[in-house]
C-alpha cells in the first residue's frame, strides 16, 4: 500500500470509530434519561392508575405514601405517630428498591388532616432524617386523604454525586 492509501484507510477507521462511539453515547444518554417504573412488594401497591415511583435521570419521584400495611393490606389504626412512622417505613422500602436512603431525599410534601397534629408528625418524621441534611419540605392541611389516612407523604430523591 502506498502512503496515501494508509492515510485514507486510517481516516476511514477513525471515522467509523467516531460513529460507533457517537452511537453508544447517544444510546447510553437515552437509556439514562428514560422513565423507569419503580415497584416493590415491600410498600403498598397503588390503588389507582399511578405507580409507586418513577426514576428518571437519577431523580426519584415517589407517589404519596400512607400508613398501609403491605401484609394485611389494611390501614394502620393507632396514634398519629404510629401512622407517620409506618408512612416513613413505606417510603424507606421504595427508596431501598433503587439503593437510595433518606440522605438522598431532597424534597418532601406532608399532607395532614389536622394541623393540630403537626408537632407529633414532625417528631416522628424527624427520626428518619439527619437534621443537618434534612430535605426541603412543606406541610399542608387537607380535608381528607385516601382510605381515611391522617397523614400522607410524597418524596423527591436524587442520586448523590
N, C-alpha and C. Protein backbone atom coordinates (compact mmCIF):
# COMPACT_ATOMS: atom_id res chain seq x y z
N UNK A 1 0.83 -1.18 0.00
CA UNK A 1 0.00 0.00 0.00
C UNK A 1 0.87 1.24 0.00
N UNK A 2 0.34 2.24 -0.62
CA UNK A 2 1.08 3.49 -0.66
C UNK A 2 0.77 4.28 0.59
N UNK A 3 1.54 5.32 0.81
CA UNK A 3 1.35 6.18 1.97
C UNK A 3 -0.05 6.80 1.96
N UNK A 4 -0.50 7.21 0.77
CA UNK A 4 -1.84 7.81 0.64
C UNK A 4 -2.94 6.81 1.00
N UNK A 5 -2.77 5.55 0.59
CA UNK A 5 -3.77 4.54 0.89
C UNK A 5 -3.85 4.28 2.40
N UNK A 6 -2.70 4.29 3.08
CA UNK A 6 -2.70 4.14 4.53
C UNK A 6 -3.41 5.32 5.21
N UNK A 7 -3.17 6.52 4.72
CA UNK A 7 -3.82 7.70 5.29
C UNK A 7 -5.34 7.62 5.10
N UNK A 8 -5.78 7.20 3.92
CA UNK A 8 -7.21 7.08 3.66
C UNK A 8 -7.81 5.99 4.56
N UNK A 9 -7.12 4.86 4.66
CA UNK A 9 -7.60 3.76 5.50
C UNK A 9 -7.65 4.21 6.97
N UNK A 10 -6.62 4.91 7.43
CA UNK A 10 -6.58 5.42 8.79
C UNK A 10 -7.73 6.40 9.03
N UNK A 11 -7.98 7.28 8.06
CA UNK A 11 -9.08 8.23 8.15
C UNK A 11 -10.42 7.50 8.23
N UNK A 12 -10.61 6.48 7.40
CA UNK A 12 -11.87 5.72 7.41
C UNK A 12 -12.07 5.02 8.75
N UNK A 13 -11.01 4.45 9.32
CA UNK A 13 -11.13 3.77 10.61
C UNK A 13 -11.48 4.76 11.71
N UNK A 14 -10.86 5.94 11.69
CA UNK A 14 -11.17 6.96 12.69
C UNK A 14 -12.63 7.40 12.56
N UNK A 15 -13.07 7.56 11.31
CA UNK A 15 -14.45 7.97 11.07
C UNK A 15 -15.43 6.92 11.61
N UNK A 16 -15.19 5.65 11.33
CA UNK A 16 -16.07 4.58 11.81
C UNK A 16 -16.02 4.46 13.34
N UNK A 17 -14.86 4.62 13.90
CA UNK A 17 -14.72 4.60 15.35
C UNK A 17 -15.53 5.75 15.96
N UNK A 18 -15.44 6.92 15.35
CA UNK A 18 -16.21 8.07 15.80
C UNK A 18 -17.72 7.78 15.73
N UNK A 19 -18.16 7.17 14.65
CA UNK A 19 -19.58 6.84 14.50
C UNK A 19 -20.04 5.87 15.59
N UNK A 20 -19.23 4.85 15.82
CA UNK A 20 -19.58 3.85 16.83
C UNK A 20 -19.64 4.49 18.21
N UNK A 21 -18.66 5.31 18.56
CA UNK A 21 -18.66 5.97 19.86
C UNK A 21 -19.84 6.92 20.01
N UNK A 22 -20.17 7.64 18.94
CA UNK A 22 -21.31 8.54 18.97
C UNK A 22 -22.60 7.76 19.20
N UNK A 23 -22.75 6.63 18.50
CA UNK A 23 -23.94 5.80 18.67
C UNK A 23 -24.08 5.34 20.11
N UNK A 24 -22.98 4.84 20.70
CA UNK A 24 -23.04 4.35 22.07
C UNK A 24 -23.32 5.49 23.05
N UNK A 25 -22.77 6.66 22.80
CA UNK A 25 -23.02 7.81 23.67
C UNK A 25 -24.48 8.20 23.63
N UNK A 26 -25.05 8.27 22.45
CA UNK A 26 -26.46 8.62 22.31
C UNK A 26 -27.33 7.56 22.95
N UNK A 27 -27.01 6.30 22.72
CA UNK A 27 -27.79 5.20 23.29
C UNK A 27 -27.73 5.21 24.82
N UNK A 28 -26.55 5.43 25.38
CA UNK A 28 -26.40 5.48 26.83
C UNK A 28 -27.16 6.67 27.39
N UNK A 29 -27.08 7.82 26.73
CA UNK A 29 -27.81 9.00 27.18
C UNK A 29 -29.30 8.72 27.17
N UNK A 30 -29.79 8.12 26.13
CA UNK A 30 -31.22 7.83 26.03
C UNK A 30 -31.66 6.87 27.12
N UNK A 31 -30.87 5.84 27.39
CA UNK A 31 -31.23 4.87 28.42
C UNK A 31 -31.23 5.51 29.80
N UNK A 32 -30.27 6.40 30.07
CA UNK A 32 -30.20 7.04 31.37
C UNK A 32 -31.35 8.00 31.61
N UNK A 33 -31.93 8.52 30.55
CA UNK A 33 -32.99 9.50 30.69
C UNK A 33 -34.38 8.93 30.46
N UNK A 34 -34.47 7.63 30.36
CA UNK A 34 -35.78 7.00 30.19
C UNK A 34 -36.51 6.97 31.52
N UNK A 35 -37.81 6.95 31.45
CA UNK A 35 -38.66 6.84 32.64
C UNK A 35 -38.70 5.38 33.06
N UNK A 36 -38.24 5.11 34.28
CA UNK A 36 -38.24 3.74 34.80
C UNK A 36 -39.27 3.65 35.92
N UNK A 37 -40.19 2.71 35.77
CA UNK A 37 -41.22 2.49 36.79
C UNK A 37 -40.60 1.71 37.95
N UNK A 38 -40.78 2.20 39.16
CA UNK A 38 -40.23 1.55 40.35
C UNK A 38 -41.39 0.94 41.15
N UNK A 39 -41.27 -0.34 41.44
CA UNK A 39 -42.26 -1.02 42.27
C UNK A 39 -41.55 -1.96 43.23
N UNK A 40 -42.12 -2.12 44.39
CA UNK A 40 -41.63 -3.09 45.36
C UNK A 40 -42.82 -3.67 46.11
N UNK A 41 -42.73 -4.92 46.43
CA UNK A 41 -43.78 -5.56 47.22
C UNK A 41 -43.66 -5.20 48.70
N UNK A 42 -42.59 -4.48 49.06
CA UNK A 42 -42.37 -4.07 50.45
C UNK A 42 -43.09 -2.78 50.82
N UNK A 43 -43.80 -2.19 49.85
CA UNK A 43 -44.60 -0.98 50.10
C UNK A 43 -45.97 -1.21 49.47
N UNK A 44 -46.98 -0.47 49.93
CA UNK A 44 -48.33 -0.68 49.41
C UNK A 44 -48.41 -0.50 47.89
N UNK A 45 -49.17 -1.37 47.25
CA UNK A 45 -49.40 -1.25 45.81
C UNK A 45 -50.32 -0.06 45.55
N UNK A 46 -50.18 0.57 44.39
CA UNK A 46 -51.07 1.68 44.05
C UNK A 46 -52.54 1.24 44.04
N UNK A 47 -53.42 2.15 44.41
CA UNK A 47 -54.85 1.86 44.41
C UNK A 47 -55.55 2.59 43.26
N UNK A 48 -54.79 2.96 42.27
CA UNK A 48 -55.33 3.67 41.11
C UNK A 48 -54.34 3.65 39.96
N UNK A 49 -54.58 4.48 38.95
CA UNK A 49 -53.71 4.50 37.77
C UNK A 49 -52.46 5.35 37.98
N UNK A 50 -51.59 4.88 38.87
CA UNK A 50 -50.32 5.54 39.13
C UNK A 50 -49.32 4.48 39.59
N UNK A 51 -48.07 4.85 39.75
CA UNK A 51 -47.02 3.94 40.19
C UNK A 51 -46.47 4.39 41.53
N UNK A 52 -45.81 3.46 42.22
CA UNK A 52 -45.20 3.81 43.50
C UNK A 52 -44.17 4.93 43.31
N UNK A 53 -43.37 4.81 42.25
CA UNK A 53 -42.35 5.83 41.99
C UNK A 53 -41.89 5.74 40.54
N UNK A 54 -41.29 6.83 40.09
CA UNK A 54 -40.68 6.91 38.76
C UNK A 54 -39.25 7.39 38.95
N UNK A 55 -38.31 6.71 38.31
CA UNK A 55 -36.91 7.12 38.33
C UNK A 55 -36.53 7.60 36.94
N UNK A 56 -36.05 8.81 36.84
CA UNK A 56 -35.60 9.35 35.57
C UNK A 56 -34.42 10.28 35.82
N UNK A 57 -33.38 10.11 35.03
CA UNK A 57 -32.19 10.96 35.11
C UNK A 57 -31.65 11.08 36.53
N UNK A 58 -31.66 9.97 37.28
CA UNK A 58 -31.10 9.95 38.63
C UNK A 58 -32.01 10.55 39.70
N UNK A 59 -33.22 10.95 39.31
CA UNK A 59 -34.16 11.53 40.27
C UNK A 59 -35.35 10.60 40.44
N UNK A 60 -35.71 10.36 41.69
CA UNK A 60 -36.83 9.51 42.04
C UNK A 60 -38.01 10.39 42.47
N UNK A 61 -39.13 10.21 41.79
CA UNK A 61 -40.36 10.92 42.12
C UNK A 61 -41.31 9.88 42.72
N UNK A 62 -41.56 9.99 44.02
CA UNK A 62 -42.36 8.99 44.71
C UNK A 62 -43.78 9.50 44.94
N UNK A 63 -44.74 8.64 44.64
CA UNK A 63 -46.13 8.97 44.94
C UNK A 63 -46.32 9.05 46.44
N UNK A 64 -47.36 9.76 46.86
CA UNK A 64 -47.66 9.88 48.27
C UNK A 64 -47.88 8.52 48.91
N UNK A 65 -47.30 8.35 50.08
CA UNK A 65 -47.43 7.10 50.83
C UNK A 65 -48.30 7.32 52.05
N UNK A 66 -49.14 6.33 52.33
CA UNK A 66 -49.99 6.37 53.52
C UNK A 66 -49.62 5.18 54.40
N UNK A 67 -50.24 5.08 55.55
CA UNK A 67 -49.87 4.06 56.54
C UNK A 67 -50.58 2.74 56.31
N UNK A 68 -50.40 2.20 55.12
CA UNK A 68 -51.00 0.91 54.82
C UNK A 68 -49.97 -0.19 55.08
N UNK A 69 -50.42 -1.24 55.74
CA UNK A 69 -49.56 -2.40 55.99
C UNK A 69 -49.60 -3.29 54.75
N UNK A 70 -48.43 -3.65 54.21
CA UNK A 70 -48.40 -4.43 52.97
C UNK A 70 -48.85 -5.87 53.17
N UNK A 71 -48.69 -6.40 54.36
CA UNK A 71 -49.09 -7.80 54.57
C UNK A 71 -50.59 -7.94 54.75
N UNK A 72 -51.19 -7.03 55.51
CA UNK A 72 -52.64 -7.12 55.76
C UNK A 72 -53.45 -6.32 54.74
N UNK A 73 -52.78 -5.42 54.02
CA UNK A 73 -53.44 -4.51 53.07
C UNK A 73 -54.51 -3.67 53.75
N UNK A 74 -54.26 -3.34 55.01
CA UNK A 74 -55.17 -2.50 55.78
C UNK A 74 -54.40 -1.31 56.35
N UNK A 75 -55.14 -0.24 56.60
CA UNK A 75 -54.55 0.94 57.21
C UNK A 75 -54.14 0.64 58.65
N UNK A 76 -53.05 1.24 59.07
CA UNK A 76 -52.61 1.15 60.46
C UNK A 76 -53.57 2.03 61.28
N UNK A 77 -54.19 1.43 62.26
CA UNK A 77 -55.08 2.18 63.15
C UNK A 77 -54.32 2.35 64.46
N UNK A 78 -54.07 3.58 64.83
CA UNK A 78 -53.32 3.85 66.05
C UNK A 78 -53.13 5.33 66.20
N UNK A 79 -52.05 5.71 66.81
CA UNK A 79 -51.77 7.12 67.02
C UNK A 79 -51.24 7.75 65.74
N UNK A 80 -51.23 9.06 65.69
CA UNK A 80 -50.70 9.77 64.53
C UNK A 80 -49.19 9.49 64.39
N UNK A 81 -48.52 9.28 65.52
CA UNK A 81 -47.10 8.96 65.48
C UNK A 81 -46.88 7.59 64.82
N UNK A 82 -47.69 6.59 65.20
CA UNK A 82 -47.57 5.26 64.60
C UNK A 82 -47.88 5.31 63.10
N UNK A 83 -48.87 6.08 62.75
CA UNK A 83 -49.24 6.22 61.34
C UNK A 83 -48.09 6.86 60.55
N UNK A 84 -47.52 7.92 61.10
CA UNK A 84 -46.41 8.61 60.43
C UNK A 84 -45.21 7.69 60.27
N UNK A 85 -44.89 6.94 61.31
CA UNK A 85 -43.74 6.04 61.22
C UNK A 85 -43.97 4.94 60.19
N UNK A 86 -45.19 4.46 60.04
CA UNK A 86 -45.49 3.46 59.01
C UNK A 86 -45.34 4.07 57.62
N UNK A 87 -45.80 5.30 57.46
CA UNK A 87 -45.62 6.01 56.19
C UNK A 87 -44.13 6.09 55.85
N UNK A 88 -43.33 6.46 56.82
CA UNK A 88 -41.88 6.59 56.59
C UNK A 88 -41.25 5.24 56.28
N UNK A 89 -41.73 4.17 56.90
CA UNK A 89 -41.22 2.82 56.58
C UNK A 89 -41.58 2.44 55.14
N UNK A 90 -42.78 2.81 54.70
CA UNK A 90 -43.17 2.55 53.31
C UNK A 90 -42.28 3.34 52.34
N UNK A 91 -41.98 4.57 52.69
CA UNK A 91 -41.08 5.39 51.88
C UNK A 91 -39.69 4.74 51.83
N UNK A 92 -39.22 4.28 52.97
CA UNK A 92 -37.91 3.63 53.06
C UNK A 92 -37.84 2.41 52.13
N UNK A 93 -38.91 1.64 52.08
CA UNK A 93 -38.94 0.44 51.23
C UNK A 93 -38.78 0.80 49.76
N UNK A 94 -39.41 1.88 49.34
CA UNK A 94 -39.29 2.30 47.94
C UNK A 94 -37.90 2.88 47.68
N UNK A 95 -37.38 3.66 48.61
CA UNK A 95 -36.01 4.18 48.47
C UNK A 95 -35.02 3.02 48.34
N UNK A 96 -35.18 2.00 49.18
CA UNK A 96 -34.29 0.84 49.15
C UNK A 96 -34.32 0.13 47.80
N UNK A 97 -35.46 0.14 47.14
CA UNK A 97 -35.62 -0.54 45.85
C UNK A 97 -34.65 0.01 44.80
N UNK A 98 -34.27 1.28 44.93
CA UNK A 98 -33.33 1.89 43.97
C UNK A 98 -32.00 2.23 44.64
N UNK A 99 -31.72 1.58 45.76
CA UNK A 99 -30.47 1.77 46.51
C UNK A 99 -30.28 3.22 46.97
N UNK A 100 -31.38 3.87 47.35
CA UNK A 100 -31.33 5.19 47.95
C UNK A 100 -31.58 5.05 49.44
N UNK A 101 -31.22 6.09 50.18
CA UNK A 101 -31.53 6.18 51.60
C UNK A 101 -32.23 7.53 51.84
N UNK A 102 -32.55 7.82 53.07
CA UNK A 102 -33.16 9.11 53.38
C UNK A 102 -32.19 10.26 53.11
N UNK A 103 -30.91 9.97 53.04
CA UNK A 103 -29.93 11.01 52.69
C UNK A 103 -30.11 11.48 51.24
N UNK A 104 -30.71 10.66 50.40
CA UNK A 104 -30.96 11.03 49.00
C UNK A 104 -32.19 11.92 48.84
N UNK A 105 -33.02 12.00 49.87
CA UNK A 105 -34.26 12.76 49.76
C UNK A 105 -33.95 14.25 49.75
N UNK A 106 -34.47 14.94 48.71
CA UNK A 106 -34.21 16.38 48.60
C UNK A 106 -35.47 17.21 48.85
N UNK A 107 -36.64 16.59 48.76
CA UNK A 107 -37.90 17.33 48.92
C UNK A 107 -38.99 16.39 49.39
N UNK A 108 -39.77 16.83 50.37
CA UNK A 108 -40.94 16.07 50.79
C UNK A 108 -42.14 17.01 50.88
N UNK A 109 -43.31 16.42 50.74
CA UNK A 109 -44.56 17.14 50.98
C UNK A 109 -45.37 16.28 51.94
N UNK A 110 -45.79 16.89 53.03
CA UNK A 110 -46.60 16.20 54.03
C UNK A 110 -48.01 16.77 53.96
N UNK A 111 -48.97 15.86 53.84
CA UNK A 111 -50.38 16.22 53.88
C UNK A 111 -50.95 15.64 55.18
N UNK A 112 -51.57 16.49 55.98
CA UNK A 112 -52.19 16.01 57.21
C UNK A 112 -53.63 16.54 57.29
N UNK A 113 -54.48 15.76 57.94
CA UNK A 113 -55.90 16.14 58.02
C UNK A 113 -56.20 17.05 59.21
N UNK A 114 -55.23 17.22 60.10
CA UNK A 114 -55.43 18.10 61.26
C UNK A 114 -54.10 18.74 61.63
N UNK A 115 -53.99 20.04 61.42
CA UNK A 115 -52.73 20.75 61.69
C UNK A 115 -52.38 20.71 63.18
N UNK A 116 -53.33 20.36 64.02
CA UNK A 116 -53.04 20.21 65.45
C UNK A 116 -52.05 19.06 65.68
N UNK A 117 -51.94 18.16 64.72
CA UNK A 117 -51.01 17.03 64.82
C UNK A 117 -49.63 17.34 64.26
N UNK A 118 -49.41 18.58 63.83
CA UNK A 118 -48.15 18.94 63.19
C UNK A 118 -46.92 18.55 64.01
N UNK A 119 -46.88 18.90 65.27
CA UNK A 119 -45.68 18.63 66.09
C UNK A 119 -45.46 17.13 66.28
N UNK A 120 -46.54 16.36 66.41
CA UNK A 120 -46.40 14.91 66.56
C UNK A 120 -45.90 14.27 65.27
N UNK A 121 -46.45 14.69 64.14
CA UNK A 121 -46.00 14.18 62.84
C UNK A 121 -44.54 14.58 62.62
N UNK A 122 -44.22 15.83 62.93
CA UNK A 122 -42.87 16.35 62.74
C UNK A 122 -41.84 15.55 63.55
N UNK A 123 -42.20 15.20 64.77
CA UNK A 123 -41.29 14.44 65.63
C UNK A 123 -41.04 13.03 65.06
N UNK A 124 -42.10 12.35 64.65
CA UNK A 124 -41.95 11.00 64.08
C UNK A 124 -41.20 11.05 62.75
N UNK A 125 -41.54 12.00 61.91
CA UNK A 125 -40.89 12.21 60.61
C UNK A 125 -39.39 12.47 60.81
N UNK A 126 -39.08 13.31 61.79
CA UNK A 126 -37.69 13.71 62.04
C UNK A 126 -36.76 12.58 62.43
N UNK A 127 -37.29 11.48 62.93
CA UNK A 127 -36.47 10.34 63.32
C UNK A 127 -35.74 9.72 62.11
N UNK A 128 -36.23 9.98 60.92
CA UNK A 128 -35.70 9.33 59.73
C UNK A 128 -34.66 10.19 58.99
N UNK A 129 -34.44 11.42 59.48
CA UNK A 129 -33.51 12.32 58.80
C UNK A 129 -32.44 12.83 59.75
N UNK A 130 -31.28 13.12 59.18
CA UNK A 130 -30.24 13.82 59.88
C UNK A 130 -30.62 15.31 59.79
N UNK A 131 -30.77 15.95 60.91
CA UNK A 131 -31.26 17.33 60.92
C UNK A 131 -30.42 18.27 60.05
N UNK A 132 -29.10 18.06 60.01
CA UNK A 132 -28.24 18.97 59.24
C UNK A 132 -28.36 18.76 57.73
N UNK A 133 -28.89 17.61 57.29
CA UNK A 133 -29.03 17.36 55.85
C UNK A 133 -30.48 17.05 55.45
N UNK A 134 -31.42 17.43 56.33
CA UNK A 134 -32.83 17.16 56.06
C UNK A 134 -33.28 17.85 54.77
N UNK A 135 -34.27 17.28 54.09
CA UNK A 135 -34.72 17.84 52.81
C UNK A 135 -35.56 19.11 52.99
N UNK A 136 -35.81 19.77 51.86
CA UNK A 136 -36.79 20.85 51.84
C UNK A 136 -38.17 20.20 52.04
N UNK A 137 -39.14 20.98 52.53
CA UNK A 137 -40.43 20.36 52.85
C UNK A 137 -41.51 21.42 53.00
N UNK A 138 -42.74 20.99 52.73
CA UNK A 138 -43.89 21.76 53.15
C UNK A 138 -44.88 20.81 53.78
N UNK A 139 -45.69 21.35 54.66
CA UNK A 139 -46.76 20.58 55.31
C UNK A 139 -48.07 21.30 55.05
N UNK A 140 -49.05 20.56 54.57
CA UNK A 140 -50.32 21.14 54.16
C UNK A 140 -51.46 20.40 54.85
N UNK A 141 -52.40 21.15 55.41
CA UNK A 141 -53.60 20.53 55.97
C UNK A 141 -54.61 20.36 54.84
N UNK A 142 -55.19 19.16 54.78
CA UNK A 142 -56.20 18.83 53.76
C UNK A 142 -57.45 18.31 54.46
N UNK A 143 -58.57 18.36 53.75
CA UNK A 143 -59.83 17.93 54.38
C UNK A 143 -59.94 16.42 54.51
N UNK A 144 -59.32 15.68 53.60
CA UNK A 144 -59.38 14.21 53.67
C UNK A 144 -58.25 13.62 52.84
N UNK A 145 -57.89 12.38 53.17
CA UNK A 145 -56.86 11.64 52.45
C UNK A 145 -57.42 10.26 52.08
N UNK A 146 -56.79 9.59 51.12
CA UNK A 146 -57.28 8.27 50.69
C UNK A 146 -57.37 7.27 51.85
N UNK A 147 -58.39 6.46 51.80
CA UNK A 147 -58.61 5.35 52.74
C UNK A 147 -58.67 5.79 54.19
N UNK A 148 -59.03 7.04 54.43
CA UNK A 148 -59.15 7.54 55.79
C UNK A 148 -57.84 7.84 56.47
N UNK A 149 -56.76 7.94 55.70
CA UNK A 149 -55.44 8.24 56.28
C UNK A 149 -55.47 9.61 56.94
N UNK A 150 -54.61 9.78 57.94
CA UNK A 150 -54.45 11.08 58.60
C UNK A 150 -53.20 11.80 58.15
N UNK A 151 -52.30 11.05 57.51
CA UNK A 151 -51.05 11.65 57.01
C UNK A 151 -50.65 10.93 55.72
N UNK A 152 -50.16 11.71 54.77
CA UNK A 152 -49.61 11.18 53.51
C UNK A 152 -48.36 11.99 53.20
N UNK A 153 -47.33 11.31 52.75
CA UNK A 153 -46.07 11.99 52.45
C UNK A 153 -45.58 11.56 51.07
N UNK A 154 -45.23 12.55 50.25
CA UNK A 154 -44.61 12.27 48.95
C UNK A 154 -43.17 12.76 49.00
N UNK A 155 -42.33 12.18 48.12
CA UNK A 155 -40.88 12.38 48.20
C UNK A 155 -40.29 12.57 46.81
N UNK A 156 -39.28 13.43 46.76
CA UNK A 156 -38.39 13.50 45.60
C UNK A 156 -36.99 13.23 46.13
N UNK A 157 -36.29 12.29 45.50
CA UNK A 157 -34.93 11.94 45.94
C UNK A 157 -34.02 11.96 44.72
N UNK A 158 -32.76 12.21 44.95
CA UNK A 158 -31.79 12.35 43.86
C UNK A 158 -30.56 11.52 44.17
N UNK A 159 -30.06 10.85 43.14
CA UNK A 159 -28.81 10.10 43.29
C UNK A 159 -27.69 11.06 43.64
N UNK A 160 -26.95 10.74 44.69
CA UNK A 160 -25.86 11.62 45.13
C UNK A 160 -24.67 11.48 44.19
N UNK A 161 -24.02 12.60 43.95
CA UNK A 161 -22.84 12.60 43.06
C UNK A 161 -21.63 12.01 43.74
